[in-house]
Amino acid sequence: MLIRHSYVRTQAQKMGIGTKLLLHLESMADKPVLIGTWAASLWAISFYEKNGYTLVSEEEKNLLLSDYWSIPERQMETSVVLANQRWCKAKLILAERKKNLWKIK
């Protein structure tokens, strides 16, 4: 699931609404969740990190943005992608499988 443009009005922030909205969106997802936001939105990045999300590497961000988002190059340069724990676990499992395949060969 990809989340873009999910906001809580400024005057309603710090009341738990954003976390409840995020939990609701996550409950609807049967797959890992990725969130794209502006790199300059430090408050948004902090919010997602407090809710268990991790910034992906620059290389992975560029791959994800080009594969799953349709945005201009400049927007890619000024964006970040955060992934939930399901994404991180799935990535670790995939890396472990690849490692085991090399052992077999």
C-alpha atoms as a PDB file:
ATOM      1  CA  MET A   1       0.000   0.000   0.000  1.00  0.00           C
ATOM      2  CA  LEU A   2       1.287   3.456  -0.881  1.00  0.00           C
ATOM      3  CA  ILE A   3       0.192   6.469   1.123  1.00  0.00           C
ATOM      4  CA  ARG A   4       0.425   9.931  -0.371  1.00  0.00           C
ATOM      5  CA  HIS A   5      -1.268  13.101   0.788  1.00  0.00           C
ATOM      6  CA  SER A   6      -2.725  12.056   4.114  1.00  0.00           C
ATOM      7  CA  TYR A   7      -2.943  15.050   6.421  1.00  0.00           C
ATOM      8  CA  VAL A   8      -4.463  16.304   9.658  1.00  0.00           C
ATOM      9  CA  ARG A   9      -5.312  20.002   9.862  1.00  0.00           C
ATOM     10  CA  THR A  10      -2.719  21.980  11.826  1.00  0.00           C
ATOM     11  CA  GLN A  11      -5.198  23.003  14.530  1.00  0.00           C
ATOM     12  CA  ALA A  12      -6.142  19.317  15.052  1.00  0.00           C
ATOM     13  CA  GLN A  13      -2.579  17.995  15.314  1.00  0.00           C
ATOM     14  CA  LYS A  14      -1.098  16.587  18.543  1.00  0.00           C
ATOM     15  CA  MET A  15      -4.471  15.031  19.468  1.00  0.00           C
ATOM     16  CA  GLY A  16      -3.819  11.484  18.275  1.00  0.00           C
ATOM     17  CA  ILE A  17      -5.897  11.877  15.114  1.00  0.00           C
ATOM     18  CA  GLY A  18      -2.949  11.258  12.775  1.00  0.00           C
ATOM     19  CA  THR A  19      -1.954   8.094  14.587  1.00  0.00           C
ATOM     20  CA  LYS A  20      -5.547   6.829  14.522  1.00  0.00           C
ATOM     21  CA  LEU A  21      -5.791   7.616  10.805  1.00  0.00           C
ATOM     22  CA  LEU A  22      -2.488   5.842  10.132  1.00  0.00           C
ATOM     23  CA  LEU A  23      -3.559   2.785  12.150  1.00  0.00           C
ATOM     24  CA  HIS A  24      -6.840   2.699  10.228  1.00  0.00           C
ATOM     25  CA  LEU A  25      -5.061   2.867   6.870  1.00  0.00           C
ATOM     26  CA  GLU A  26      -2.625   0.163   7.980  1.00  0.00           C
ATOM     27  CA  SER A  27      -5.517  -2.070   9.058  1.00  0.00           C
ATOM     28  CA  MET A  28      -6.861  -1.878   5.505  1.00  0.00           C
ATOM     29  CA  ALA A  29      -3.536  -3.007   4.026  1.00  0.00           C
ATOM     30  CA  ASP A  30      -2.785  -6.656   3.447  1.00  0.00           C
ATOM     31  CA  LYS A  31       0.741  -5.784   2.286  1.00  0.00           C
ATOM     32  CA  PRO A  32       3.589  -3.637   3.609  1.00  0.00           C
ATOM     33  CA  VAL A  33       3.052   0.127   3.658  1.00  0.00           C
ATOM     34  CA  LEU A  34       5.262   2.745   2.022  1.00  0.00           C
ATOM     35  CA  ILE A  35       4.854   6.467   2.615  1.00  0.00           C
ATOM     36  CA  GLY A  36       6.248   9.196   0.403  1.00  0.00           C
ATOM     37  CA  THR A  37       6.704  12.717   1.729  1.00  0.00           C
ATOM     38  CA  TRP A  38       8.883  15.778   1.237  1.00  0.00           C
ATOM     39  CA  ALA A  39      12.411  15.530   2.644  1.00  0.00           C
ATOM     40  CA  ALA A  40      11.960  19.013   4.117  1.00  0.00           C
ATOM     41  CA  SER A  41       8.880  17.898   6.104  1.00  0.00           C
ATOM     42  CA  LEU A  42      10.876  16.967   9.179  1.00  0.00           C
ATOM     43  CA  TRP A  43       7.741  17.064  11.350  1.00  0.00           C
ATOM     44  CA  ALA A  44       6.068  14.477   9.086  1.00  0.00           C
ATOM     45  CA  ILE A  45       9.153  12.252   9.025  1.00  0.00           C
ATOM     46  CA  SER A  46       9.333  12.444  12.827  1.00  0.00           C
ATOM     47  CA  PHE A  47       5.642  11.512  13.101  1.00  0.00           C
ATOM     48  CA  TYR A  48       6.080   8.424  10.918  1.00  0.00           C
ATOM     49  CA  GLU A  49       9.252   7.377  12.742  1.00  0.00           C
ATOM     50  CA  LYS A  50       7.391   7.632  16.074  1.00  0.00           C
ATOM     51  CA  ASN A  51       4.826   5.292  14.542  1.00  0.00           C
ATOM     52  CA  GLY A  52       7.386   2.631  13.630  1.00  0.00           C
ATOM     53  CA  TYR A  53       8.389   3.682  10.112  1.00  0.00           C
ATOM     54  CA  THR A  54      11.964   3.765   8.850  1.00  0.00           C
ATOM     55  CA  LEU A  55      13.516   5.903   6.141  1.00  0.00           C
ATOM     56  CA  VAL A  56      14.737   3.786   3.256  1.00  0.00           C
ATOM     57  CA  SER A  57      18.140   4.420   1.673  1.00  0.00           C
ATOM     58  CA  GLU A  58      18.531   6.962  -1.120  1.00  0.00           C
ATOM     59  CA  GLU A  59      19.108   4.150  -3.619  1.00  0.00           C
ATOM     60  CA  GLU A  60      16.019   2.240  -2.517  1.00  0.00           C
ATOM     61  CA  LYS A  61      13.977   5.460  -2.448  1.00  0.00           C
ATOM     62  CA  ASN A  62      14.848   6.182  -6.076  1.00  0.00           C
ATOM     63  CA  LEU A  63      13.917   2.643  -7.135  1.00  0.00           C
ATOM     64  CA  LEU A  64      10.628   2.740  -5.234  1.00  0.00           C
ATOM     65  CA  LEU A  65       9.652   6.183  -6.483  1.00  0.00           C
ATOM     66  CA  SER A  66      10.341   5.252 -10.091  1.00  0.00           C
ATOM     67  CA  ASP A  67       8.537   1.890  -9.769  1.00  0.00           C
ATOM     68  CA  TYR A  68       5.477   2.861  -7.723  1.00  0.00           C
ATOM     69  CA  TRP A  69       5.014   6.611  -8.068  1.00  0.00           C
ATOM     70  CA  SER A  70       4.528   8.730 -11.143  1.00  0.00           C
ATOM     71  CA  ILE A  71       6.258  11.974 -10.197  1.00  0.00           C
ATOM     72  CA  PRO A  72       8.646  14.432 -11.855  1.00  0.00           C
ATOM     73  CA  GLU A  73      12.421  14.026 -11.388  1.00  0.00           C
ATOM     74  CA  ARG A  74      12.647  17.169  -9.223  1.00  0.00           C
ATOM     75  CA  GLN A  75      10.008  15.794  -6.866  1.00  0.00           C
ATOM     76  CA  MET A  76      11.972  12.547  -6.602  1.00  0.00           C
ATOM     77  CA  GLU A  77      15.049  14.527  -5.600  1.00  0.00           C
ATOM     78  CA  THR A  78      13.186  16.339  -2.820  1.00  0.00           C
ATOM     79  CA  SER A  79      11.237  13.363  -1.462  1.00  0.00           C
ATOM     80  CA  VAL A  80      11.852  10.575   1.016  1.00  0.00           C
ATOM     81  CA  VAL A  81      10.178   7.201   1.438  1.00  0.00           C
ATOM     82  CA  LEU A  82       9.418   5.591   4.764  1.00  0.00           C
ATOM     83  CA  ALA A  83       8.549   1.921   5.194  1.00  0.00           C
ATOM     84  CA  ASN A  84       6.657   0.143   7.950  1.00  0.00           C
ATOM     85  CA  GLN A  85       7.985  -2.873   9.812  1.00  0.00           C
ATOM     86  CA  ARG A  86       6.207  -5.298   7.459  1.00  0.00           C
ATOM     87  CA  TRP A  87       8.258  -3.871   4.581  1.00  0.00           C
ATOM     88  CA  CYS A  88      11.488  -4.131   6.547  1.00  0.00           C
ATOM     89  CA  LYS A  89      10.745  -7.735   7.576  1.00  0.00           C
ATOM     90  CA  ALA A  90       9.812  -8.707   4.018  1.00  0.00           C
ATOM     91  CA  LYS A  91      13.063  -7.192   2.782  1.00  0.00           C
ATOM     92  CA  LEU A  92      15.085  -9.162   5.355  1.00  0.00           C
ATOM     93  CA  ILE A  93      13.325 -12.398   4.398  1.00  0.00           C
ATOM     94  CA  LEU A  94      14.044 -11.773   0.720  1.00  0.00           C
ATOM     95  CA  ALA A  95      17.714 -11.028   1.448  1.00  0.00           C
ATOM     96  CA  GLU A  96      17.979 -14.230   3.500  1.00  0.00           C
ATOM     97  CA  ARG A  97      16.426 -16.263   0.671  1.00  0.00           C
ATOM     98  CA  LYS A  98      18.878 -14.802  -1.839  1.00  0.00           C
ATOM     99  CA  LYS A  99      21.750 -15.583   0.518  1.00  0.00           C
ATOM    100  CA  ASN A 100      20.564 -19.196   0.861  1.00  0.00           C
ATOM    101  CA  LEU A 101      20.231 -19.540  -2.913  1.00  0.00           C
ATOM    102  CA  TRP A 102      23.903 -18.591  -3.299  1.00  0.00           C
ATOM    103  CA  LYS A 103      24.829 -21.247  -0.734  1.00  0.00           C
ATOM    104  CA  ILE A 104      23.023 -23.916  -2.766  1.00  0.00           C
ATOM    105  CA  LYS A 105      24.823 -23.024  -6.010  1.00  0.00           C
END
